[in-house]
């Protein structure tokens, strides 16, 4: 498929698929920074849009300090190109990574930003949710090199065993140009009842006892596609579900948050640098929590989380 170009964006792709970037198919996220301290307006906007984009909401110097620690760890792990300045985060193509939760281990600066009780992020979710908040103890850290992207999916299939009133916070630790490629939201997807009652009822750690002899790993038990993805083709799913893919050129200090049924993916990284980001989860402390993601050593996905079912 060839991308339909316009004067606003360069050619964009996701999961190796060229995107239609005409105005009917692609657009930019609506900023909610003007209502950032109005919880009622934020809740209304979340219901309407299925996301909140808050450019500059977090303290940029604090995020930059976190980035400095992250790139130092990447350099020590051999993930950065030899002979380059770690602050540039130039990728070592001989050591490609994608998912690096170990970057969060004993990372005081990161923990303070994401989970500090007096920090902006925890206070934001207390106001948004209207009560005391707990976060998941597992921290998803991504170091996405050239060519990397996230396939379209909803978070509910990975963390749906507790409350569904759960929110993801996506935070970049890189200034993300169109070439580096940030997160995309599929416009209006959170309102799609058919999607919610089909794919949205699945669980990547459930497996079909009547189809498979044993649990084979995340999304490989006959219950859902491999890895839990909704599709491998972001262009096709946009055509099928409607709406536009929405994204932005993000900057360190930006916050993008959304609920569990919002379809999202990422643009391909077409640069030579590593796109650093985290996604973390927040909910009311009074509501049930998915046991896979809490505790000193969360079990996450795998045999310990497997549940048999009849499909």
C-alpha atoms as a PDB file:
ATOM      1  CA  UNK A   1       0.000   0.000   0.000  1.00  0.00           C
ATOM      2  CA  UNK A   2       1.324   3.472  -0.834  1.00  0.00           C
ATOM      3  CA  UNK A   3       0.881   6.301   1.620  1.00  0.00           C
ATOM      4  CA  UNK A   4      -1.277   9.207   0.519  1.00  0.00           C
ATOM      5  CA  UNK A   5       0.920  12.215   1.227  1.00  0.00           C
ATOM      6  CA  UNK A   6       0.131  15.829   2.077  1.00  0.00           C
ATOM      7  CA  UNK A   7       2.074  18.945   2.974  1.00  0.00           C
ATOM      8  CA  UNK A   8       1.766  18.500   6.742  1.00  0.00           C
ATOM      9  CA  UNK A   9       3.619  15.248   7.345  1.00  0.00           C
ATOM     10  CA  UNK A  10       6.448  13.221   5.857  1.00  0.00           C
ATOM     11  CA  UNK A  11       5.664   9.705   4.709  1.00  0.00           C
ATOM     12  CA  UNK A  12       4.723   7.757   7.827  1.00  0.00           C
ATOM     13  CA  UNK A  13       4.488   4.044   8.501  1.00  0.00           C
ATOM     14  CA  UNK A  14       3.614   1.718  11.342  1.00  0.00           C
ATOM     15  CA  UNK A  15       4.653  -1.939  11.635  1.00  0.00           C
ATOM     16  CA  UNK A  16       6.151  -1.543   8.196  1.00  0.00           C
ATOM     17  CA  UNK A  17       2.830  -0.513   6.658  1.00  0.00           C
ATOM     18  CA  UNK A  18       2.611   2.849   4.887  1.00  0.00           C
ATOM     19  CA  UNK A  19      -0.135   5.019   6.364  1.00  0.00           C
ATOM     20  CA  UNK A  20      -2.670   7.131   4.562  1.00  0.00           C
ATOM     21  CA  UNK A  21      -1.840  10.594   5.906  1.00  0.00           C
ATOM     22  CA  UNK A  22      -4.614  12.453   4.152  1.00  0.00           C
ATOM     23  CA  UNK A  23      -6.740  14.612   6.447  1.00  0.00           C
ATOM     24  CA  UNK A  24      -9.553  12.048   6.589  1.00  0.00           C
ATOM     25  CA  UNK A  25      -7.233   9.288   7.809  1.00  0.00           C
ATOM     26  CA  UNK A  26      -4.541  10.904   9.940  1.00  0.00           C
ATOM     27  CA  UNK A  27      -4.387  13.837  12.306  1.00  0.00           C
ATOM     28  CA  UNK A  28      -2.853  15.217  15.476  1.00  0.00           C
ATOM     29  CA  UNK A  29      -3.838  14.611  19.080  1.00  0.00           C
ATOM     30  CA  UNK A  30      -5.984  17.268  20.715  1.00  0.00           C
ATOM     31  CA  UNK A  31      -4.176  19.033  23.546  1.00  0.00           C
ATOM     32  CA  UNK A  32      -5.901  19.081  26.935  1.00  0.00           C
ATOM     33  CA  UNK A  33      -3.248  21.155  28.694  1.00  0.00           C
ATOM     34  CA  UNK A  34      -5.670  24.099  29.001  1.00  0.00           C
ATOM     35  CA  UNK A  35      -7.925  21.983  31.249  1.00  0.00           C
ATOM     36  CA  UNK A  36      -5.119  20.083  33.014  1.00  0.00           C
ATOM     37  CA  UNK A  37      -6.259  21.244  36.459  1.00  0.00           C
ATOM     38  CA  UNK A  38     -10.002  20.872  35.912  1.00  0.00           C
ATOM     39  CA  UNK A  39     -10.857  17.255  36.829  1.00  0.00           C
ATOM     40  CA  UNK A  40     -14.474  17.452  35.665  1.00  0.00           C
ATOM     41  CA  UNK A  41     -13.432  18.783  32.269  1.00  0.00           C
ATOM     42  CA  UNK A  42     -10.718  16.130  32.013  1.00  0.00           C
ATOM     43  CA  UNK A  43     -13.174  13.332  32.743  1.00  0.00           C
ATOM     44  CA  UNK A  44     -15.578  14.677  30.126  1.00  0.00           C
ATOM     45  CA  UNK A  45     -12.754  14.966  27.589  1.00  0.00           C
ATOM     46  CA  UNK A  46     -11.563  11.424  28.354  1.00  0.00           C
ATOM     47  CA  UNK A  47     -15.044  10.045  27.716  1.00  0.00           C
ATOM     48  CA  UNK A  48     -15.266  12.016  24.496  1.00  0.00           C
ATOM     49  CA  UNK A  49     -11.803  11.415  23.034  1.00  0.00           C
ATOM     50  CA  UNK A  50     -10.618   8.196  24.682  1.00  0.00           C
ATOM     51  CA  UNK A  51      -7.334   9.864  25.651  1.00  0.00           C
ATOM     52  CA  UNK A  52      -5.838  12.977  27.223  1.00  0.00           C
ATOM     53  CA  UNK A  53      -2.793  14.586  25.664  1.00  0.00           C
ATOM     54  CA  UNK A  54      -1.039  17.006  27.999  1.00  0.00           C
ATOM     55  CA  UNK A  55       2.018  18.548  26.329  1.00  0.00           C
ATOM     56  CA  UNK A  56       4.482  20.002  28.832  1.00  0.00           C
ATOM     57  CA  UNK A  57       2.532  18.788  31.865  1.00  0.00           C
ATOM     58  CA  UNK A  58       5.515  17.106  33.530  1.00  0.00           C
ATOM     59  CA  UNK A  59       8.615  18.948  34.668  1.00  0.00           C
ATOM     60  CA  UNK A  60      10.957  18.811  31.669  1.00  0.00           C
ATOM     61  CA  UNK A  61      14.222  19.116  33.683  1.00  0.00           C
ATOM     62  CA  UNK A  62      13.070  16.190  35.857  1.00  0.00           C
ATOM     63  CA  UNK A  63      12.329  14.093  32.760  1.00  0.00           C
ATOM     64  CA  UNK A  64      15.713  15.054  31.301  1.00  0.00           C
ATOM     65  CA  UNK A  65      17.402  13.866  34.506  1.00  0.00           C
ATOM     66  CA  UNK A  66      15.632  10.527  34.128  1.00  0.00           C
ATOM     67  CA  UNK A  67      16.765  10.353  30.508  1.00  0.00           C
ATOM     68  CA  UNK A  68      20.388  10.915  31.543  1.00  0.00           C
ATOM     69  CA  UNK A  69      20.206   7.883  33.831  1.00  0.00           C
ATOM     70  CA  UNK A  70      18.503   5.785  31.155  1.00  0.00           C
ATOM     71  CA  UNK A  71      21.034   6.507  28.410  1.00  0.00           C
ATOM     72  CA  UNK A  72      23.876   5.847  30.851  1.00  0.00           C
ATOM     73  CA  UNK A  73      22.401   2.388  31.427  1.00  0.00           C
ATOM     74  CA  UNK A  74      21.942   1.842  27.702  1.00  0.00           C
ATOM     75  CA  UNK A  75      25.594   2.690  27.118  1.00  0.00           C
ATOM     76  CA  UNK A  76      26.700   0.272  29.834  1.00  0.00           C
ATOM     77  CA  UNK A  77      24.547  -2.467  28.246  1.00  0.00           C
ATOM     78  CA  UNK A  78      26.141  -1.960  24.819  1.00  0.00           C
ATOM     79  CA  UNK A  79      22.896  -0.805  23.239  1.00  0.00           C
ATOM     80  CA  UNK A  80      24.361   2.480  21.967  1.00  0.00           C
ATOM     81  CA  UNK A  81      26.638   2.848  18.964  1.00  0.00           C
ATOM     82  CA  UNK A  82      30.307   2.686  19.992  1.00  0.00           C
ATOM     83  CA  UNK A  83      32.118   6.007  19.982  1.00  0.00           C
ATOM     84  CA  UNK A  84      28.953   8.121  20.116  1.00  0.00           C
ATOM     85  CA  UNK A  85      27.790  10.507  22.828  1.00  0.00           C
ATOM     86  CA  UNK A  86      25.373   8.577  25.080  1.00  0.00           C
ATOM     87  CA  UNK A  87      23.174  11.665  25.333  1.00  0.00           C
ATOM     88  CA  UNK A  88      22.397  11.293  21.622  1.00  0.00           C
ATOM     89  CA  UNK A  89      21.161   7.694  22.129  1.00  0.00           C
ATOM     90  CA  UNK A  90      22.407   6.548  18.717  1.00  0.00           C
ATOM     91  CA  UNK A  91      21.449   2.911  18.297  1.00  0.00           C
ATOM     92  CA  UNK A  92      23.952   0.093  18.022  1.00  0.00           C
ATOM     93  CA  UNK A  93      22.438  -1.861  15.138  1.00  0.00           C
ATOM     94  CA  UNK A  94      24.295  -4.975  16.260  1.00  0.00           C
ATOM     95  CA  UNK A  95      22.421  -5.023  19.583  1.00  0.00           C
ATOM     96  CA  UNK A  96      18.800  -4.141  18.943  1.00  0.00           C
ATOM     97  CA  UNK A  97      16.433  -4.073  21.898  1.00  0.00           C
ATOM     98  CA  UNK A  98      12.803  -3.129  22.347  1.00  0.00           C
ATOM     99  CA  UNK A  99      11.456  -3.998  25.768  1.00  0.00           C
ATOM    100  CA  UNK A 100      13.856  -3.289  28.646  1.00  0.00           C
ATOM    101  CA  UNK A 101      12.052  -3.355  32.029  1.00  0.00           C
ATOM    102  CA  UNK A 102      15.454  -3.718  33.687  1.00  0.00           C
ATOM    103  CA  UNK A 103      15.978   0.008  33.070  1.00  0.00           C
ATOM    104  CA  UNK A 104      13.538   0.639  35.924  1.00  0.00           C
ATOM    105  CA  UNK A 105      15.395  -1.508  38.478  1.00  0.00           C
ATOM    106  CA  UNK A 106      16.761   0.573  41.358  1.00  0.00           C
ATOM    107  CA  UNK A 107      16.176   3.713  39.311  1.00  0.00           C
ATOM    108  CA  UNK A 108      15.385   6.300  41.963  1.00  0.00           C
ATOM    109  CA  UNK A 109      14.899   9.223  39.571  1.00  0.00           C
ATOM    110  CA  UNK A 110      12.453   7.265  37.436  1.00  0.00           C
ATOM    111  CA  UNK A 111      10.490   5.983  40.428  1.00  0.00           C
ATOM    112  CA  UNK A 112      10.173   9.483  41.816  1.00  0.00           C
ATOM    113  CA  UNK A 113       8.820  10.794  38.511  1.00  0.00           C
ATOM    114  CA  UNK A 114       6.347   7.973  37.986  1.00  0.00           C
ATOM    115  CA  UNK A 115       5.261   7.057  41.489  1.00  0.00           C
ATOM    116  CA  UNK A 116       6.353   9.771  43.920  1.00  0.00           C
ATOM    117  CA  UNK A 117       3.430  10.425  46.250  1.00  0.00           C
ATOM    118  CA  UNK A 118       3.975  14.174  46.055  1.00  0.00           C
ATOM    119  CA  UNK A 119       4.749  14.136  42.335  1.00  0.00           C
ATOM    120  CA  UNK A 120       2.659  15.619  39.534  1.00  0.00           C
ATOM    121  CA  UNK A 121       1.707  12.272  38.045  1.00  0.00           C
ATOM    122  CA  UNK A 122       0.231  10.653  41.146  1.00  0.00           C
ATOM    123  CA  UNK A 123      -1.572  13.869  42.032  1.00  0.00           C
ATOM    124  CA  UNK A 124      -2.948  14.058  38.492  1.00  0.00           C
ATOM    125  CA  UNK A 125      -4.493  10.579  38.760  1.00  0.00           C
ATOM    126  CA  UNK A 126      -5.881  11.275  42.240  1.00  0.00           C
ATOM    127  CA  UNK A 127      -7.699  14.279  40.808  1.00  0.00           C
ATOM    128  CA  UNK A 128      -8.784  12.500  37.622  1.00  0.00           C
ATOM    129  CA  UNK A 129     -10.099   9.413  39.430  1.00  0.00           C
ATOM    130  CA  UNK A 130     -11.439  11.250  42.457  1.00  0.00           C
ATOM    131  CA  UNK A 131      -9.792   9.222  45.205  1.00  0.00           C
ATOM    132  CA  UNK A 132      -6.671   7.540  46.478  1.00  0.00           C
ATOM    133  CA  UNK A 133      -4.715   5.889  43.699  1.00  0.00           C
ATOM    134  CA  UNK A 134      -2.489   2.861  43.425  1.00  0.00           C
ATOM    135  CA  UNK A 135      -0.121   2.152  40.590  1.00  0.00           C
ATOM    136  CA  UNK A 136       1.027  -1.146  39.172  1.00  0.00           C
ATOM    137  CA  UNK A 137       4.401  -2.146  40.585  1.00  0.00           C
ATOM    138  CA  UNK A 138       5.674  -3.334  37.218  1.00  0.00           C
ATOM    139  CA  UNK A 139       7.111  -0.602  34.997  1.00  0.00           C
ATOM    140  CA  UNK A 140       7.102  -1.085  31.228  1.00  0.00           C
ATOM    141  CA  UNK A 141      10.268   0.506  29.769  1.00  0.00           C
ATOM    142  CA  UNK A 142      10.893   0.599  26.048  1.00  0.00           C
ATOM    143  CA  UNK A 143      14.076   1.359  24.133  1.00  0.00           C
ATOM    144  CA  UNK A 144      12.914   1.197  20.522  1.00  0.00           C
ATOM    145  CA  UNK A 145      15.625   1.319  17.914  1.00  0.00           C
ATOM    146  CA  UNK A 146      15.455   1.909  14.155  1.00  0.00           C
ATOM    147  CA  UNK A 147      12.628   0.027  12.503  1.00  0.00           C
ATOM    148  CA  UNK A 148      10.809  -0.688  15.757  1.00  0.00           C
ATOM    149  CA  UNK A 149       7.087  -0.167  16.303  1.00  0.00           C
ATOM    150  CA  UNK A 150       4.214  -1.323  18.480  1.00  0.00           C
ATOM    151  CA  UNK A 151       1.393  -3.240  16.802  1.00  0.00           C
ATOM    152  CA  UNK A 152      -2.230  -2.052  17.286  1.00  0.00           C
ATOM    153  CA  UNK A 153      -3.810  -3.358  20.481  1.00  0.00           C
ATOM    154  CA  UNK A 154      -5.932  -2.504  23.524  1.00  0.00           C
ATOM    155  CA  UNK A 155      -4.355  -2.778  26.969  1.00  0.00           C
ATOM    156  CA  UNK A 156      -7.329  -4.645  28.416  1.00  0.00           C
ATOM    157  CA  UNK A 157      -6.155  -7.992  27.008  1.00  0.00           C
ATOM    158  CA  UNK A 158      -2.921  -7.736  29.024  1.00  0.00           C
ATOM    159  CA  UNK A 159      -4.281  -6.438  32.330  1.00  0.00           C
ATOM    160  CA  UNK A 160      -8.013  -7.115  32.525  1.00  0.00           C
ATOM    161  CA  UNK A 161      -8.222  -9.228  35.688  1.00  0.00           C
ATOM    162  CA  UNK A 162      -8.804  -6.295  38.005  1.00  0.00           C
ATOM    163  CA  UNK A 163     -10.775  -3.127  37.517  1.00  0.00           C
ATOM    164  CA  UNK A 164     -11.350  -1.931  33.980  1.00  0.00           C
ATOM    165  CA  UNK A 165     -11.202   1.633  35.325  1.00  0.00           C
ATOM    166  CA  UNK A 166      -7.467   1.573  34.733  1.00  0.00           C
ATOM    167  CA  UNK A 167      -5.339   4.132  32.904  1.00  0.00           C
ATOM    168  CA  UNK A 168      -2.067   3.984  31.024  1.00  0.00           C
ATOM    169  CA  UNK A 169       0.434   6.846  31.186  1.00  0.00           C
ATOM    170  CA  UNK A 170       2.787   6.975  28.193  1.00  0.00           C
ATOM    171  CA  UNK A 171       5.811   9.214  28.758  1.00  0.00           C
ATOM    172  CA  UNK A 172       8.616   9.871  26.258  1.00  0.00           C
ATOM    173  CA  UNK A 173      12.222  10.352  27.406  1.00  0.00           C
ATOM    174  CA  UNK A 174      13.179  11.609  23.949  1.00  0.00           C
ATOM    175  CA  UNK A 175      11.945  14.545  21.917  1.00  0.00           C
ATOM    176  CA  UNK A 176       9.993  12.530  19.363  1.00  0.00           C
ATOM    177  CA  UNK A 177       9.933  13.841  15.808  1.00  0.00           C
ATOM    178  CA  UNK A 178       7.814  12.259  13.090  1.00  0.00           C
ATOM    179  CA  UNK A 179      10.932  10.363  12.012  1.00  0.00           C
ATOM    180  CA  UNK A 180      11.502   8.903  15.486  1.00  0.00           C
ATOM    181  CA  UNK A 181       7.807   8.041  15.634  1.00  0.00           C
ATOM    182  CA  UNK A 182       5.636   8.256  18.734  1.00  0.00           C
ATOM    183  CA  UNK A 183       2.453   6.635  19.966  1.00  0.00           C
ATOM    184  CA  UNK A 184      -0.751   6.754  17.907  1.00  0.00           C
ATOM    185  CA  UNK A 185      -4.367   6.634  19.111  1.00  0.00           C
ATOM    186  CA  UNK A 186      -7.156   5.338  16.878  1.00  0.00           C
ATOM    187  CA  UNK A 187      -9.814   8.016  17.053  1.00  0.00           C
ATOM    188  CA  UNK A 188     -13.098   6.917  18.643  1.00  0.00           C
ATOM    189  CA  UNK A 189     -11.997   3.307  19.135  1.00  0.00           C
ATOM    190  CA  UNK A 190     -12.847   3.375  22.855  1.00  0.00           C
ATOM    191  CA  UNK A 191     -16.544   3.643  21.899  1.00  0.00           C
ATOM    192  CA  UNK A 192     -16.588   0.593  19.640  1.00  0.00           C
ATOM    193  CA  UNK A 193     -18.962  -1.834  21.365  1.00  0.00           C
ATOM    194  CA  UNK A 194     -18.267  -4.723  19.009  1.00  0.00           C
ATOM    195  CA  UNK A 195     -14.529  -4.470  19.610  1.00  0.00           C
ATOM    196  CA  UNK A 196     -15.069  -4.255  23.364  1.00  0.00           C
ATOM    197  CA  UNK A 197     -17.246  -7.371  23.402  1.00  0.00           C
ATOM    198  CA  UNK A 198     -15.000  -9.505  21.186  1.00  0.00           C
ATOM    199  CA  UNK A 199     -11.282  -8.789  21.294  1.00  0.00           C
ATOM    200  CA  UNK A 200     -11.776  -6.725  24.471  1.00  0.00           C
ATOM    201  CA  UNK A 201     -12.971  -9.790  26.406  1.00  0.00           C
ATOM    202  CA  UNK A 202      -9.829 -11.813  25.704  1.00  0.00           C
ATOM    203  CA  UNK A 203      -6.793 -12.453  27.873  1.00  0.00           C
ATOM    204  CA  UNK A 204      -3.294 -13.129  26.572  1.00  0.00           C
ATOM    205  CA  UNK A 205      -2.647 -15.559  29.432  1.00  0.00           C
ATOM    206  CA  UNK A 206      -5.793 -17.619  28.866  1.00  0.00           C
ATOM    207  CA  UNK A 207      -5.469 -20.763  26.759  1.00  0.00           C
ATOM    208  CA  UNK A 208      -7.976 -23.091  25.161  1.00  0.00           C
ATOM    209  CA  UNK A 209      -7.932 -26.409  26.959  1.00  0.00           C
ATOM    210  CA  UNK A 210      -9.981 -27.965  24.165  1.00  0.00           C
ATOM    211  CA  UNK A 211      -7.561 -26.814  21.438  1.00  0.00           C
ATOM    212  CA  UNK A 212      -4.071 -26.801  22.847  1.00  0.00           C
ATOM    213  CA  UNK A 213      -2.258 -29.454  24.889  1.00  0.00           C
ATOM    214  CA  UNK A 214      -0.613 -26.851  27.108  1.00  0.00           C
ATOM    215  CA  UNK A 215      -0.084 -23.156  27.630  1.00  0.00           C
ATOM    216  CA  UNK A 216       2.460 -21.990  25.052  1.00  0.00           C
ATOM    217  CA  UNK A 217       3.099 -18.417  26.131  1.00  0.00           C
ATOM    218  CA  UNK A 218       1.509 -14.976  25.866  1.00  0.00           C
ATOM    219  CA  UNK A 219      -1.245 -15.013  23.276  1.00  0.00           C
ATOM    220  CA  UNK A 220      -0.348 -18.481  21.991  1.00  0.00           C
ATOM    221  CA  UNK A 221      -3.063 -20.593  23.502  1.00  0.00           C
ATOM    222  CA  UNK A 222      -5.738 -20.321  20.829  1.00  0.00           C
ATOM    223  CA  UNK A 223      -7.639 -17.598  22.703  1.00  0.00           C
ATOM    224  CA  UNK A 224      -6.059 -14.589  20.965  1.00  0.00           C
ATOM    225  CA  UNK A 225      -3.470 -13.769  18.326  1.00  0.00           C
ATOM    226  CA  UNK A 226       0.226 -14.094  19.067  1.00  0.00           C
ATOM    227  CA  UNK A 227       1.395 -11.410  21.468  1.00  0.00           C
ATOM    228  CA  UNK A 228      -2.152 -10.139  22.000  1.00  0.00           C
ATOM    229  CA  UNK A 229      -2.049  -7.785  19.045  1.00  0.00           C
ATOM    230  CA  UNK A 230      -5.287  -6.739  17.397  1.00  0.00           C
ATOM    231  CA  UNK A 231      -3.745  -6.822  13.916  1.00  0.00           C
ATOM    232  CA  UNK A 232      -0.442  -6.602  12.074  1.00  0.00           C
ATOM    233  CA  UNK A 233      -1.851  -3.984   9.708  1.00  0.00           C
ATOM    234  CA  UNK A 234      -2.551  -0.519  11.188  1.00  0.00           C
ATOM    235  CA  UNK A 235      -3.885   0.809   7.882  1.00  0.00           C
ATOM    236  CA  UNK A 236      -6.411  -1.984   7.490  1.00  0.00           C
ATOM    237  CA  UNK A 237      -7.724  -1.792  11.064  1.00  0.00           C
ATOM    238  CA  UNK A 238      -8.268   1.959  10.678  1.00  0.00           C
ATOM    239  CA  UNK A 239     -10.350   1.310   7.575  1.00  0.00           C
ATOM    240  CA  UNK A 240     -12.341  -1.394   9.357  1.00  0.00           C
ATOM    241  CA  UNK A 241     -13.008   0.459  12.618  1.00  0.00           C
ATOM    242  CA  UNK A 242     -13.164   4.005  11.260  1.00  0.00           C
ATOM    243  CA  UNK A 243     -11.655   7.142  12.702  1.00  0.00           C
ATOM    244  CA  UNK A 244      -8.207   8.569  12.095  1.00  0.00           C
ATOM    245  CA  UNK A 245      -4.855   7.611  13.489  1.00  0.00           C
ATOM    246  CA  UNK A 246      -3.810  10.491  15.759  1.00  0.00           C
ATOM    247  CA  UNK A 247      -0.285  11.253  16.910  1.00  0.00           C
ATOM    248  CA  UNK A 248       2.067  14.169  17.582  1.00  0.00           C
ATOM    249  CA  UNK A 249       5.679  15.260  17.658  1.00  0.00           C
ATOM    250  CA  UNK A 250       6.195  14.711  21.378  1.00  0.00           C
ATOM    251  CA  UNK A 251       8.631  16.446  23.696  1.00  0.00           C
ATOM    252  CA  UNK A 252      10.092  15.410  27.005  1.00  0.00           C
ATOM    253  CA  UNK A 253       7.609  16.588  29.635  1.00  0.00           C
ATOM    254  CA  UNK A 254       4.556  15.471  27.645  1.00  0.00           C
ATOM    255  CA  UNK A 255       1.988  13.034  29.043  1.00  0.00           C
ATOM    256  CA  UNK A 256      -0.414  10.891  27.028  1.00  0.00           C
ATOM    257  CA  UNK A 257      -2.940   8.886  29.022  1.00  0.00           C
ATOM    258  CA  UNK A 258      -5.822   6.648  27.963  1.00  0.00           C
ATOM    259  CA  UNK A 259      -8.146   3.892  29.247  1.00  0.00           C
ATOM    260  CA  UNK A 260      -8.032   0.175  28.578  1.00  0.00           C
ATOM    261  CA  UNK A 261     -10.254  -0.044  25.483  1.00  0.00           C
ATOM    262  CA  UNK A 262      -8.533   2.616  23.377  1.00  0.00           C
ATOM    263  CA  UNK A 263      -6.771   1.114  20.353  1.00  0.00           C
ATOM    264  CA  UNK A 264      -3.224   2.374  20.056  1.00  0.00           C
ATOM    265  CA  UNK A 265       0.003   1.596  18.237  1.00  0.00           C
ATOM    266  CA  UNK A 266       3.151   3.468  17.312  1.00  0.00           C
ATOM    267  CA  UNK A 267       4.740   4.928  14.253  1.00  0.00           C
ATOM    268  CA  UNK A 268       7.878   3.234  12.978  1.00  0.00           C
ATOM    269  CA  UNK A 269      11.173   4.600  14.197  1.00  0.00           C
ATOM    270  CA  UNK A 270      12.802   5.720  10.939  1.00  0.00           C
ATOM    271  CA  UNK A 271      15.723   7.472  12.629  1.00  0.00           C
ATOM    272  CA  UNK A 272      19.074   6.206  13.939  1.00  0.00           C
ATOM    273  CA  UNK A 273      18.265   6.978  17.585  1.00  0.00           C
ATOM    274  CA  UNK A 274      16.583   4.961  20.297  1.00  0.00           C
ATOM    275  CA  UNK A 275      13.090   6.076  21.287  1.00  0.00           C
ATOM    276  CA  UNK A 276      12.900   5.824  25.074  1.00  0.00           C
ATOM    277  CA  UNK A 277       9.508   5.698  26.770  1.00  0.00           C
ATOM    278  CA  UNK A 278       7.647   4.205  29.691  1.00  0.00           C
ATOM    279  CA  UNK A 279       4.075   3.076  30.078  1.00  0.00           C
ATOM    280  CA  UNK A 280       2.702   2.731  33.575  1.00  0.00           C
ATOM    281  CA  UNK A 281      -0.741   2.059  35.045  1.00  0.00           C
ATOM    282  CA  UNK A 282      -2.926   3.793  37.638  1.00  0.00           C
ATOM    283  CA  UNK A 283      -6.275   2.999  39.270  1.00  0.00           C
ATOM    284  CA  UNK A 284      -8.326   3.728  42.353  1.00  0.00           C
ATOM    285  CA  UNK A 285      -6.796   1.982  45.361  1.00  0.00           C
ATOM    286  CA  UNK A 286     -10.257   0.797  46.411  1.00  0.00           C
ATOM    287  CA  UNK A 287     -10.864  -1.239  43.244  1.00  0.00           C
ATOM    288  CA  UNK A 288      -9.683  -4.785  42.377  1.00  0.00           C
ATOM    289  CA  UNK A 289      -6.182  -5.058  40.940  1.00  0.00           C
ATOM    290  CA  UNK A 290      -4.738  -7.483  38.393  1.00  0.00           C
ATOM    291  CA  UNK A 291      -2.492  -9.756  40.448  1.00  0.00           C
ATOM    292  CA  UNK A 292      -0.010 -10.175  37.588  1.00  0.00           C
ATOM    293  CA  UNK A 293       1.384  -6.669  37.984  1.00  0.00           C
ATOM    294  CA  UNK A 294       1.684  -6.004  41.714  1.00  0.00           C
ATOM    295  CA  UNK A 295       4.008  -7.087  44.487  1.00  0.00           C
ATOM    296  CA  UNK A 296       7.757  -7.079  44.947  1.00  0.00           C
ATOM    297  CA  UNK A 297       8.247  -9.402  41.966  1.00  0.00           C
ATOM    298  CA  UNK A 298       5.133  -9.300  39.744  1.00  0.00           C
ATOM    299  CA  UNK A 299       4.556 -12.565  37.900  1.00  0.00           C
ATOM    300  CA  UNK A 300       3.618 -10.796  34.666  1.00  0.00           C
ATOM    301  CA  UNK A 301       2.817 -12.973  31.666  1.00  0.00           C
ATOM    302  CA  UNK A 302       3.821 -16.616  31.573  1.00  0.00           C
ATOM    303  CA  UNK A 303       2.930 -20.032  33.010  1.00  0.00           C
ATOM    304  CA  UNK A 304       2.300 -18.645  36.503  1.00  0.00           C
ATOM    305  CA  UNK A 305      -0.425 -16.408  35.041  1.00  0.00           C
ATOM    306  CA  UNK A 306      -1.996 -19.004  32.753  1.00  0.00           C
ATOM    307  CA  UNK A 307      -5.712 -19.769  32.970  1.00  0.00           C
ATOM    308  CA  UNK A 308      -7.391 -22.601  31.102  1.00  0.00           C
ATOM    309  CA  UNK A 309     -10.726 -22.088  29.368  1.00  0.00           C
ATOM    310  CA  UNK A 310     -13.054 -23.768  26.896  1.00  0.00           C
ATOM    311  CA  UNK A 311     -13.073 -21.875  23.608  1.00  0.00           C
END
